[in-house]
Amino acid sequence: MDSLLQTLLGKLSGDSLDTITTQLGINKSTAQKAIGLALPLLIGSLNRNSSSTDGAQALTNAVARDHDGSILTDLASNLMQPKVQEDGLAILGHVLGAKQANVGKSLGQASGLKSDQVTQLLAMLAPVVLGALGQAQRQKNLDAQGVASLLTKEREHASSALPGIAQLLDMDGDGDVTEEMVNLGSSLLSSFLSKKK
C-alpha cells in the first residue's frame, strides 16, 4: 500500500498540478519541486503536533470532524475554491504556529518561490494533507494513537527516502537553508515517483 506521501504526490499531478501552477503563476518544474518539499514538511509538522496525547487527540478530532478525504475526489477543482485557501491558512496557523515565517523563508529559499507564493502553496496543500490523513483514518479505523503512529511512520519514510529533509522537518532556527537543500524537492519527487512504477 502506498504511503500517505506517495498518495499525495500521485494526486498532485496532472490537472491538480496545472491548477497549482496557474494559481501561483509558476512553471511546472518549480511547482513540483516546491510540492516535494512542502508535503513532508507539513507531515513532519503534524507528526510533531501529535507527539503528545492531547495533541494527537486534538488532531484526530479535527480530522474526523472536518476532513473526510472528499477534497481528493476532484482535487483540481477543489484547489481553486477560495474556501480551501481560507481553511488552509487556518490550518497553517494551528500546525506551524510561530514557526510559519521560518518555514516559509526556508521553503522559499529551497524552491525559488516568493514568500506570498509559499504561503499560498502551503494553504492549498494543508487541507489536502489533512484530507488524505482523514481518509486513511477512516479506512483503517484509527484512534488518536493510530493517527500519531501513522504520522511517525510517514515522517520516517520521508527521512529515509531523503535524509537531508530532516533539516526542514526539524526547523527551529532562523530559517536559513544550505545549498544541498535547494535540490531536495525534486530529488524527493523523483525518488517517490520512481518507486510507483
N, C-alpha and C. Protein backbone atom coordinates (compact mmCIF):
# COMPACT_ATOMS: atom_id res chain seq x y z
N MET A 1 0.85 -1.20 0.00
CA MET A 1 0.00 0.00 0.00
C MET A 1 0.89 1.25 0.00
N ASP A 2 0.52 2.22 -0.82
CA ASP A 2 1.30 3.46 -0.90
C ASP A 2 1.29 4.20 0.42
N SER A 3 2.38 4.89 0.70
CA SER A 3 2.41 5.76 1.87
C SER A 3 1.52 6.97 1.61
N LEU A 4 1.24 7.70 2.68
CA LEU A 4 0.46 8.93 2.56
C LEU A 4 1.14 9.89 1.60
N LEU A 5 2.47 9.98 1.72
CA LEU A 5 3.24 10.89 0.88
C LEU A 5 3.16 10.49 -0.59
N GLN A 6 3.28 9.20 -0.87
CA GLN A 6 3.19 8.73 -2.25
C GLN A 6 1.79 8.99 -2.83
N THR A 7 0.78 8.74 -2.00
CA THR A 7 -0.60 9.00 -2.43
C THR A 7 -0.77 10.47 -2.80
N LEU A 8 -0.25 11.35 -1.94
CA LEU A 8 -0.39 12.79 -2.17
C LEU A 8 0.37 13.24 -3.41
N LEU A 9 1.60 12.73 -3.58
CA LEU A 9 2.38 13.10 -4.76
C LEU A 9 1.69 12.63 -6.04
N GLY A 10 1.04 11.47 -5.95
CA GLY A 10 0.30 10.97 -7.10
C GLY A 10 -0.90 11.83 -7.43
N LYS A 11 -1.59 12.29 -6.37
CA LYS A 11 -2.79 13.13 -6.57
C LYS A 11 -2.42 14.52 -7.09
N LEU A 12 -1.26 15.01 -6.66
CA LEU A 12 -0.86 16.38 -7.03
C LEU A 12 -0.05 16.37 -8.32
N SER A 13 -0.63 15.76 -9.32
CA SER A 13 -0.03 15.71 -10.65
C SER A 13 -1.13 15.98 -11.67
N GLY A 14 -0.80 16.01 -12.94
CA GLY A 14 -1.82 16.23 -13.97
C GLY A 14 -2.58 17.52 -13.79
N ASP A 15 -3.91 17.42 -13.78
CA ASP A 15 -4.77 18.61 -13.67
C ASP A 15 -4.55 19.37 -12.37
N SER A 16 -4.31 18.63 -11.29
CA SER A 16 -4.10 19.28 -9.99
C SER A 16 -2.83 20.12 -10.01
N LEU A 17 -1.79 19.58 -10.62
CA LEU A 17 -0.53 20.33 -10.74
C LEU A 17 -0.73 21.55 -11.63
N ASP A 18 -1.48 21.39 -12.70
CA ASP A 18 -1.77 22.53 -13.59
C ASP A 18 -2.49 23.64 -12.83
N THR A 19 -3.42 23.25 -11.98
CA THR A 19 -4.15 24.25 -11.17
C THR A 19 -3.19 25.02 -10.27
N ILE A 20 -2.28 24.31 -9.62
CA ILE A 20 -1.33 24.95 -8.72
C ILE A 20 -0.42 25.90 -9.49
N THR A 21 0.09 25.46 -10.65
CA THR A 21 0.99 26.33 -11.43
C THR A 21 0.26 27.59 -11.88
N THR A 22 -1.01 27.44 -12.27
CA THR A 22 -1.80 28.59 -12.71
C THR A 22 -2.06 29.55 -11.55
N GLN A 23 -2.46 28.99 -10.41
CA GLN A 23 -2.79 29.81 -9.24
C GLN A 23 -1.57 30.59 -8.74
N LEU A 24 -0.41 29.96 -8.80
CA LEU A 24 0.80 30.59 -8.27
C LEU A 24 1.58 31.36 -9.33
N GLY A 25 1.26 31.12 -10.60
CA GLY A 25 1.98 31.79 -11.67
C GLY A 25 3.42 31.31 -11.80
N ILE A 26 3.62 30.00 -11.66
CA ILE A 26 4.97 29.43 -11.75
C ILE A 26 4.97 28.29 -12.76
N ASN A 27 6.17 27.82 -13.14
CA ASN A 27 6.22 26.71 -14.10
C ASN A 27 6.10 25.37 -13.37
N LYS A 28 5.90 24.33 -14.15
CA LYS A 28 5.60 23.01 -13.60
C LYS A 28 6.75 22.45 -12.76
N SER A 29 7.98 22.60 -13.25
CA SER A 29 9.11 22.01 -12.51
C SER A 29 9.32 22.70 -11.16
N THR A 30 9.12 24.03 -11.13
CA THR A 30 9.22 24.75 -9.86
C THR A 30 8.12 24.30 -8.90
N ALA A 31 6.92 24.12 -9.43
CA ALA A 31 5.80 23.67 -8.60
C ALA A 31 6.06 22.28 -8.03
N GLN A 32 6.55 21.37 -8.88
CA GLN A 32 6.83 20.01 -8.42
C GLN A 32 7.89 19.99 -7.32
N LYS A 33 8.91 20.80 -7.51
CA LYS A 33 9.98 20.89 -6.52
C LYS A 33 9.44 21.42 -5.18
N ALA A 34 8.65 22.48 -5.27
CA ALA A 34 8.08 23.07 -4.05
C ALA A 34 7.15 22.10 -3.34
N ILE A 35 6.33 21.39 -4.12
CA ILE A 35 5.41 20.40 -3.54
C ILE A 35 6.20 19.28 -2.87
N GLY A 36 7.30 18.86 -3.53
CA GLY A 36 8.13 17.80 -2.98
C GLY A 36 8.77 18.15 -1.65
N LEU A 37 8.95 19.44 -1.40
CA LEU A 37 9.46 19.91 -0.11
C LEU A 37 8.33 20.17 0.88
N ALA A 38 7.24 20.75 0.38
CA ALA A 38 6.17 21.19 1.28
C ALA A 38 5.42 20.02 1.92
N LEU A 39 5.19 18.95 1.16
CA LEU A 39 4.41 17.84 1.71
C LEU A 39 5.08 17.18 2.92
N PRO A 40 6.36 16.77 2.82
CA PRO A 40 6.97 16.18 4.01
C PRO A 40 7.10 17.17 5.15
N LEU A 41 7.23 18.45 4.81
CA LEU A 41 7.31 19.47 5.84
C LEU A 41 6.00 19.55 6.63
N LEU A 42 4.88 19.53 5.91
CA LEU A 42 3.58 19.57 6.58
C LEU A 42 3.33 18.29 7.38
N ILE A 43 3.69 17.15 6.80
CA ILE A 43 3.51 15.88 7.51
C ILE A 43 4.38 15.84 8.76
N GLY A 44 5.62 16.33 8.63
CA GLY A 44 6.52 16.38 9.79
C GLY A 44 5.99 17.28 10.89
N SER A 45 5.39 18.39 10.50
CA SER A 45 4.81 19.32 11.49
C SER A 45 3.60 18.69 12.18
N LEU A 46 2.78 17.98 11.42
CA LEU A 46 1.63 17.29 12.02
C LEU A 46 2.11 16.21 12.99
N ASN A 47 3.18 15.52 12.58
CA ASN A 47 3.75 14.49 13.44
C ASN A 47 4.23 15.09 14.76
N ARG A 48 4.89 16.23 14.69
CA ARG A 48 5.38 16.89 15.90
C ARG A 48 4.20 17.31 16.78
N ASN A 49 3.15 17.82 16.15
CA ASN A 49 1.97 18.26 16.92
C ASN A 49 1.24 17.09 17.58
N SER A 50 1.36 15.90 16.98
CA SER A 50 0.63 14.75 17.52
C SER A 50 1.50 13.91 18.45
N SER A 51 2.67 14.44 18.84
CA SER A 51 3.59 13.66 19.67
C SER A 51 3.12 13.57 21.13
N SER A 52 2.23 14.48 21.53
CA SER A 52 1.65 14.38 22.87
C SER A 52 0.25 13.77 22.76
N THR A 53 -0.22 13.20 23.85
CA THR A 53 -1.55 12.57 23.86
C THR A 53 -2.63 13.60 23.51
N ASP A 54 -2.55 14.78 24.12
CA ASP A 54 -3.55 15.82 23.86
C ASP A 54 -3.48 16.29 22.41
N GLY A 55 -2.25 16.45 21.91
CA GLY A 55 -2.08 16.89 20.53
C GLY A 55 -2.63 15.89 19.54
N ALA A 56 -2.36 14.61 19.80
CA ALA A 56 -2.85 13.55 18.91
C ALA A 56 -4.37 13.51 18.92
N GLN A 57 -4.97 13.67 20.11
CA GLN A 57 -6.43 13.63 20.21
C GLN A 57 -7.06 14.82 19.51
N ALA A 58 -6.46 16.01 19.68
CA ALA A 58 -6.99 17.21 19.04
C ALA A 58 -6.93 17.08 17.52
N LEU A 59 -5.81 16.57 17.01
CA LEU A 59 -5.68 16.39 15.57
C LEU A 59 -6.68 15.37 15.05
N THR A 60 -6.82 14.26 15.76
CA THR A 60 -7.76 13.21 15.34
C THR A 60 -9.19 13.73 15.34
N ASN A 61 -9.55 14.50 16.35
CA ASN A 61 -10.89 15.09 16.41
C ASN A 61 -11.13 16.02 15.23
N ALA A 62 -10.13 16.85 14.92
CA ALA A 62 -10.26 17.81 13.82
C ALA A 62 -10.41 17.08 12.48
N VAL A 63 -9.60 16.04 12.30
CA VAL A 63 -9.65 15.28 11.05
C VAL A 63 -10.99 14.56 10.91
N ALA A 64 -11.45 13.95 12.01
CA ALA A 64 -12.72 13.23 11.97
C ALA A 64 -13.89 14.17 11.71
N ARG A 65 -13.78 15.39 12.22
CA ARG A 65 -14.88 16.35 12.10
C ARG A 65 -14.91 17.03 10.73
N ASP A 66 -13.73 17.43 10.24
CA ASP A 66 -13.70 18.34 9.08
C ASP A 66 -13.03 17.80 7.82
N HIS A 67 -12.35 16.65 7.90
CA HIS A 67 -11.55 16.22 6.76
C HIS A 67 -11.80 14.75 6.45
N ASP A 68 -12.81 14.49 5.61
CA ASP A 68 -13.18 13.11 5.31
C ASP A 68 -12.51 12.57 4.06
N GLY A 69 -11.68 13.40 3.42
CA GLY A 69 -11.00 12.95 2.21
C GLY A 69 -11.72 13.32 0.93
N SER A 70 -12.90 13.94 1.05
CA SER A 70 -13.67 14.27 -0.15
C SER A 70 -12.95 15.31 -1.02
N ILE A 71 -12.06 16.10 -0.43
CA ILE A 71 -11.30 17.08 -1.21
C ILE A 71 -10.49 16.40 -2.32
N LEU A 72 -10.11 15.14 -2.09
CA LEU A 72 -9.28 14.41 -3.05
C LEU A 72 -10.07 13.94 -4.27
N THR A 73 -11.41 13.93 -4.17
CA THR A 73 -12.25 13.39 -5.24
C THR A 73 -12.12 14.19 -6.53
N ASP A 74 -12.18 15.50 -6.42
CA ASP A 74 -12.00 16.36 -7.60
C ASP A 74 -11.00 17.44 -7.20
N LEU A 75 -9.77 17.01 -7.01
CA LEU A 75 -8.76 17.88 -6.40
C LEU A 75 -8.49 19.14 -7.20
N ALA A 76 -8.39 19.01 -8.52
CA ALA A 76 -8.07 20.18 -9.36
C ALA A 76 -9.10 21.29 -9.16
N SER A 77 -10.39 20.93 -9.13
CA SER A 77 -11.44 21.93 -8.92
C SER A 77 -11.43 22.46 -7.49
N ASN A 78 -11.24 21.54 -6.53
CA ASN A 78 -11.27 21.96 -5.13
C ASN A 78 -10.14 22.92 -4.79
N LEU A 79 -8.98 22.75 -5.43
CA LEU A 79 -7.84 23.62 -5.15
C LEU A 79 -8.10 25.06 -5.58
N MET A 80 -9.07 25.26 -6.46
CA MET A 80 -9.39 26.62 -6.92
C MET A 80 -10.40 27.33 -6.03
N GLN A 81 -10.98 26.60 -5.08
CA GLN A 81 -12.01 27.18 -4.24
C GLN A 81 -11.40 28.09 -3.16
N PRO A 82 -11.87 29.34 -3.05
CA PRO A 82 -11.36 30.25 -2.00
C PRO A 82 -11.50 29.65 -0.60
N LYS A 83 -12.56 28.87 -0.38
CA LYS A 83 -12.79 28.26 0.95
C LYS A 83 -11.64 27.33 1.33
N VAL A 84 -11.09 26.62 0.33
CA VAL A 84 -9.97 25.71 0.60
C VAL A 84 -8.76 26.52 1.07
N GLN A 85 -8.51 27.65 0.39
CA GLN A 85 -7.40 28.53 0.79
C GLN A 85 -7.61 29.08 2.21
N GLU A 86 -8.84 29.50 2.50
CA GLU A 86 -9.14 30.03 3.84
C GLU A 86 -8.91 28.96 4.90
N ASP A 87 -9.43 27.77 4.63
CA ASP A 87 -9.24 26.66 5.57
C ASP A 87 -7.75 26.37 5.74
N GLY A 88 -7.03 26.40 4.62
CA GLY A 88 -5.60 26.10 4.65
C GLY A 88 -4.82 27.07 5.51
N LEU A 89 -5.14 28.35 5.40
CA LEU A 89 -4.46 29.37 6.21
C LEU A 89 -4.72 29.14 7.70
N ALA A 90 -5.96 28.77 8.02
CA ALA A 90 -6.30 28.49 9.42
C ALA A 90 -5.53 27.26 9.92
N ILE A 91 -5.45 26.24 9.07
CA ILE A 91 -4.72 25.01 9.43
C ILE A 91 -3.24 25.33 9.68
N LEU A 92 -2.66 26.16 8.80
CA LEU A 92 -1.24 26.51 8.95
C LEU A 92 -0.98 27.19 10.29
N GLY A 93 -1.92 28.05 10.70
CA GLY A 93 -1.78 28.72 11.99
C GLY A 93 -1.70 27.71 13.13
N HIS A 94 -2.52 26.66 13.04
CA HIS A 94 -2.53 25.63 14.09
C HIS A 94 -1.30 24.73 14.00
N VAL A 95 -0.96 24.33 12.78
CA VAL A 95 0.09 23.32 12.58
C VAL A 95 1.49 23.90 12.74
N LEU A 96 1.72 25.08 12.16
CA LEU A 96 3.07 25.66 12.19
C LEU A 96 3.25 26.69 13.29
N GLY A 97 2.17 27.37 13.66
CA GLY A 97 2.24 28.36 14.73
C GLY A 97 3.31 29.41 14.48
N ALA A 98 4.15 29.62 15.49
CA ALA A 98 5.19 30.65 15.42
C ALA A 98 6.28 30.32 14.40
N LYS A 99 6.33 29.05 13.97
CA LYS A 99 7.38 28.66 13.02
C LYS A 99 7.02 29.01 11.57
N GLN A 100 5.82 29.50 11.36
CA GLN A 100 5.34 29.69 9.99
C GLN A 100 6.26 30.59 9.16
N ALA A 101 6.75 31.67 9.75
CA ALA A 101 7.61 32.59 9.00
C ALA A 101 8.93 31.92 8.61
N ASN A 102 9.53 31.18 9.56
CA ASN A 102 10.79 30.50 9.27
C ASN A 102 10.60 29.40 8.23
N VAL A 103 9.51 28.67 8.36
CA VAL A 103 9.21 27.61 7.39
C VAL A 103 9.05 28.21 6.00
N GLY A 104 8.31 29.32 5.93
CA GLY A 104 8.08 29.98 4.65
C GLY A 104 9.38 30.47 4.04
N LYS A 105 10.25 31.03 4.87
CA LYS A 105 11.53 31.54 4.39
C LYS A 105 12.38 30.40 3.82
N SER A 106 12.46 29.31 4.56
CA SER A 106 13.27 28.17 4.12
C SER A 106 12.72 27.53 2.86
N LEU A 107 11.42 27.37 2.83
CA LEU A 107 10.80 26.76 1.65
C LEU A 107 10.98 27.66 0.43
N GLY A 108 10.90 28.95 0.66
CA GLY A 108 11.12 29.90 -0.44
C GLY A 108 12.54 29.83 -0.97
N GLN A 109 13.52 29.77 -0.05
CA GLN A 109 14.93 29.67 -0.46
C GLN A 109 15.19 28.38 -1.23
N ALA A 110 14.61 27.30 -0.75
CA ALA A 110 14.87 25.99 -1.35
C ALA A 110 14.14 25.78 -2.67
N SER A 111 13.01 26.44 -2.84
CA SER A 111 12.19 26.20 -4.04
C SER A 111 12.24 27.33 -5.06
N GLY A 112 12.69 28.52 -4.61
CA GLY A 112 12.71 29.66 -5.51
C GLY A 112 11.41 30.45 -5.54
N LEU A 113 10.47 30.09 -4.66
CA LEU A 113 9.18 30.81 -4.61
C LEU A 113 9.30 32.06 -3.75
N LYS A 114 8.48 33.05 -4.06
CA LYS A 114 8.39 34.25 -3.22
C LYS A 114 7.57 33.91 -1.98
N SER A 115 7.69 34.74 -0.96
CA SER A 115 7.03 34.43 0.32
C SER A 115 5.52 34.29 0.18
N ASP A 116 4.89 35.16 -0.63
CA ASP A 116 3.44 35.05 -0.77
C ASP A 116 3.05 33.78 -1.53
N GLN A 117 3.92 33.35 -2.46
CA GLN A 117 3.65 32.11 -3.19
C GLN A 117 3.79 30.90 -2.27
N VAL A 118 4.78 30.95 -1.37
CA VAL A 118 4.96 29.87 -0.41
C VAL A 118 3.72 29.75 0.48
N THR A 119 3.26 30.88 0.99
CA THR A 119 2.07 30.87 1.85
C THR A 119 0.87 30.31 1.11
N GLN A 120 0.69 30.74 -0.14
CA GLN A 120 -0.44 30.27 -0.94
C GLN A 120 -0.34 28.77 -1.20
N LEU A 121 0.87 28.29 -1.51
CA LEU A 121 1.05 26.86 -1.76
C LEU A 121 0.75 26.04 -0.51
N LEU A 122 1.32 26.46 0.62
CA LEU A 122 1.08 25.73 1.86
C LEU A 122 -0.40 25.74 2.23
N ALA A 123 -1.07 26.86 1.99
CA ALA A 123 -2.51 26.95 2.28
C ALA A 123 -3.32 26.03 1.37
N MET A 124 -2.86 25.83 0.14
CA MET A 124 -3.54 24.90 -0.77
C MET A 124 -3.31 23.45 -0.36
N LEU A 125 -2.08 23.17 0.09
CA LEU A 125 -1.71 21.79 0.39
C LEU A 125 -2.18 21.30 1.76
N ALA A 126 -2.28 22.20 2.73
CA ALA A 126 -2.63 21.77 4.10
C ALA A 126 -3.97 21.02 4.16
N PRO A 127 -5.05 21.52 3.52
CA PRO A 127 -6.31 20.76 3.57
C PRO A 127 -6.21 19.44 2.79
N VAL A 128 -5.34 19.39 1.79
CA VAL A 128 -5.17 18.16 1.02
C VAL A 128 -4.49 17.09 1.88
N VAL A 129 -3.46 17.51 2.62
CA VAL A 129 -2.76 16.58 3.52
C VAL A 129 -3.73 16.07 4.59
N LEU A 130 -4.51 16.97 5.19
CA LEU A 130 -5.45 16.54 6.22
C LEU A 130 -6.57 15.68 5.62
N GLY A 131 -6.94 15.96 4.38
CA GLY A 131 -7.94 15.14 3.70
C GLY A 131 -7.44 13.71 3.51
N ALA A 132 -6.18 13.58 3.10
CA ALA A 132 -5.59 12.24 2.92
C ALA A 132 -5.46 11.53 4.27
N LEU A 133 -5.10 12.30 5.30
CA LEU A 133 -4.99 11.73 6.64
C LEU A 133 -6.37 11.27 7.14
N GLY A 134 -7.38 12.10 6.89
CA GLY A 134 -8.75 11.74 7.29
C GLY A 134 -9.24 10.49 6.56
N GLN A 135 -8.91 10.39 5.29
CA GLN A 135 -9.29 9.21 4.51
C GLN A 135 -8.62 7.96 5.08
N ALA A 136 -7.34 8.07 5.40
CA ALA A 136 -6.61 6.94 5.99
C ALA A 136 -7.17 6.57 7.36
N GLN A 137 -7.54 7.59 8.12
CA GLN A 137 -8.09 7.34 9.46
C GLN A 137 -9.39 6.55 9.38
N ARG A 138 -10.23 6.91 8.40
CA ARG A 138 -11.50 6.21 8.24
C ARG A 138 -11.30 4.80 7.71
N GLN A 139 -10.45 4.68 6.70
CA GLN A 139 -10.23 3.36 6.09
C GLN A 139 -9.64 2.36 7.08
N LYS A 140 -8.75 2.85 7.95
CA LYS A 140 -8.07 1.95 8.89
C LYS A 140 -8.66 2.00 10.29
N ASN A 141 -9.71 2.83 10.47
CA ASN A 141 -10.37 2.98 11.76
C ASN A 141 -9.37 3.30 12.87
N LEU A 142 -8.59 4.35 12.65
CA LEU A 142 -7.51 4.71 13.58
C LEU A 142 -8.02 5.59 14.72
N ASP A 143 -7.55 5.29 15.93
CA ASP A 143 -7.80 6.19 17.05
C ASP A 143 -6.65 7.21 17.10
N ALA A 144 -6.62 8.04 18.14
CA ALA A 144 -5.60 9.10 18.21
C ALA A 144 -4.19 8.52 18.18
N GLN A 145 -3.99 7.42 18.91
CA GLN A 145 -2.66 6.79 18.93
C GLN A 145 -2.30 6.25 17.54
N GLY A 146 -3.29 5.72 16.84
CA GLY A 146 -3.07 5.20 15.49
C GLY A 146 -2.70 6.30 14.51
N VAL A 147 -3.36 7.46 14.63
CA VAL A 147 -3.06 8.60 13.76
C VAL A 147 -1.64 9.09 14.02
N ALA A 148 -1.28 9.20 15.31
CA ALA A 148 0.08 9.64 15.67
C ALA A 148 1.13 8.66 15.14
N SER A 149 0.83 7.38 15.26
CA SER A 149 1.75 6.34 14.78
C SER A 149 1.92 6.41 13.26
N LEU A 150 0.82 6.62 12.56
CA LEU A 150 0.86 6.74 11.10
C LEU A 150 1.74 7.92 10.68
N LEU A 151 1.60 9.05 11.35
CA LEU A 151 2.39 10.23 11.02
C LEU A 151 3.87 10.02 11.32
N THR A 152 4.16 9.30 12.40
CA THR A 152 5.56 9.00 12.73
C THR A 152 6.18 8.15 11.62
N LYS A 153 5.44 7.14 11.15
CA LYS A 153 5.93 6.29 10.06
C LYS A 153 6.14 7.11 8.79
N GLU A 154 5.23 8.02 8.52
CA GLU A 154 5.35 8.86 7.32
C GLU A 154 6.59 9.75 7.39
N ARG A 155 6.82 10.30 8.56
CA ARG A 155 7.99 11.16 8.74
C ARG A 155 9.28 10.35 8.56
N GLU A 156 9.30 9.14 9.13
CA GLU A 156 10.48 8.27 8.98
C GLU A 156 10.67 7.88 7.52
N HIS A 157 9.56 7.63 6.85
CA HIS A 157 9.58 7.25 5.43
C HIS A 157 10.22 8.36 4.60
N ALA A 158 9.81 9.59 4.85
CA ALA A 158 10.36 10.74 4.11
C ALA A 158 11.85 10.91 4.43
N SER A 159 12.21 10.76 5.70
CA SER A 159 13.60 10.94 6.10
C SER A 159 14.51 9.87 5.52
N SER A 160 14.00 8.62 5.42
CA SER A 160 14.83 7.55 4.87
C SER A 160 14.97 7.69 3.35
N ALA A 161 13.92 8.18 2.71
CA ALA A 161 13.98 8.37 1.25
C ALA A 161 14.94 9.50 0.91
N LEU A 162 15.00 10.48 1.79
CA LEU A 162 15.82 11.66 1.52
C LEU A 162 16.34 12.21 2.85
N PRO A 163 17.48 11.70 3.33
CA PRO A 163 17.96 12.06 4.66
C PRO A 163 18.03 13.57 4.93
N GLY A 164 18.39 14.36 3.94
CA GLY A 164 18.54 15.80 4.15
C GLY A 164 17.25 16.51 4.49
N ILE A 165 16.11 15.86 4.25
CA ILE A 165 14.82 16.52 4.52
C ILE A 165 14.66 16.77 6.01
N ALA A 166 15.40 16.04 6.82
CA ALA A 166 15.29 16.22 8.28
C ALA A 166 15.61 17.65 8.69
N GLN A 167 16.48 18.30 7.93
CA GLN A 167 16.82 19.69 8.25
C GLN A 167 15.58 20.58 8.17
N LEU A 168 14.74 20.32 7.19
CA LEU A 168 13.49 21.08 7.08
C LEU A 168 12.48 20.64 8.12
N LEU A 169 12.40 19.32 8.35
CA LEU A 169 11.40 18.80 9.28
C LEU A 169 11.64 19.27 10.71
N ASP A 170 12.90 19.48 11.04
CA ASP A 170 13.23 19.87 12.41
C ASP A 170 13.60 21.34 12.53
N MET A 171 13.04 22.14 11.66
CA MET A 171 13.46 23.53 11.57
C MET A 171 13.06 24.34 12.81
N ASP A 172 14.05 24.71 13.58
CA ASP A 172 13.81 25.54 14.75
C ASP A 172 14.63 26.82 14.71
N GLY A 173 15.55 26.89 13.75
CA GLY A 173 16.48 28.01 13.73
C GLY A 173 15.95 29.22 12.99
N ASP A 174 16.85 29.89 12.27
CA ASP A 174 16.48 31.16 11.65
C ASP A 174 15.88 30.98 10.26
N GLY A 175 15.75 29.74 9.82
CA GLY A 175 15.13 29.51 8.53
C GLY A 175 16.10 29.49 7.38
N ASP A 176 17.40 29.67 7.63
CA ASP A 176 18.37 29.60 6.54
C ASP A 176 18.58 28.16 6.11
N VAL A 177 18.71 27.94 4.82
CA VAL A 177 18.91 26.59 4.30
C VAL A 177 20.27 26.50 3.62
N THR A 178 20.78 25.29 3.58
CA THR A 178 22.07 25.07 2.93
C THR A 178 21.86 24.87 1.43
N GLU A 179 22.95 24.91 0.69
CA GLU A 179 22.86 24.72 -0.77
C GLU A 179 22.24 23.37 -1.12
N GLU A 180 22.59 22.34 -0.34
CA GLU A 180 22.08 20.99 -0.64
C GLU A 180 20.55 20.94 -0.60
N MET A 181 19.97 21.78 0.27
CA MET A 181 18.52 21.77 0.42
C MET A 181 17.80 22.16 -0.86
N VAL A 182 18.47 22.96 -1.69
CA VAL A 182 17.81 23.51 -2.87
C VAL A 182 17.38 22.40 -3.84
N ASN A 183 18.08 21.27 -3.82
CA ASN A 183 17.73 20.19 -4.74
C ASN A 183 16.84 19.12 -4.11
N LEU A 184 16.48 19.30 -2.86
CA LEU A 184 15.74 18.25 -2.17
C LEU A 184 14.36 17.97 -2.75
N GLY A 185 13.63 19.03 -3.08
CA GLY A 185 12.25 18.84 -3.55
C GLY A 185 12.18 17.95 -4.76
N SER A 186 12.97 18.25 -5.78
CA SER A 186 12.93 17.45 -7.00
C SER A 186 13.49 16.05 -6.76
N SER A 187 14.48 15.94 -5.85
CA SER A 187 15.05 14.63 -5.54
C SER A 187 13.99 13.74 -4.88
N LEU A 188 13.26 14.32 -3.93
CA LEU A 188 12.23 13.55 -3.23
C LEU A 188 11.15 13.12 -4.21
N LEU A 189 10.75 14.04 -5.05
CA LEU A 189 9.71 13.75 -6.03
C LEU A 189 10.11 12.59 -6.93
N SER A 190 11.32 12.67 -7.50
CA SER A 190 11.75 11.61 -8.42
C SER A 190 11.94 10.30 -7.67
N SER A 191 12.39 10.39 -6.41
CA SER A 191 12.57 9.17 -5.60
C SER A 191 11.25 8.44 -5.39
N PHE A 192 10.20 9.18 -5.03
CA PHE A 192 8.91 8.55 -4.78
C PHE A 192 8.23 8.12 -6.06
N LEU A 193 8.32 8.93 -7.08
CA LEU A 193 7.65 8.59 -8.34
C LEU A 193 8.29 7.38 -8.99
N SER A 194 9.61 7.21 -8.83
CA SER A 194 10.27 6.05 -9.42
C SER A 194 9.82 4.76 -8.71
N LYS A 195 9.49 4.88 -7.43
CA LYS A 195 9.02 3.70 -6.68
C LYS A 195 7.62 3.28 -7.09
N LYS A 196 6.88 4.22 -7.66
CA LYS A 196 5.49 3.92 -8.05
C LYS A 196 5.42 3.13 -9.35
N LYS A 197 6.50 3.15 -10.13
CA LYS A 197 6.47 2.49 -11.45
C LYS A 197 6.61 0.99 -11.33
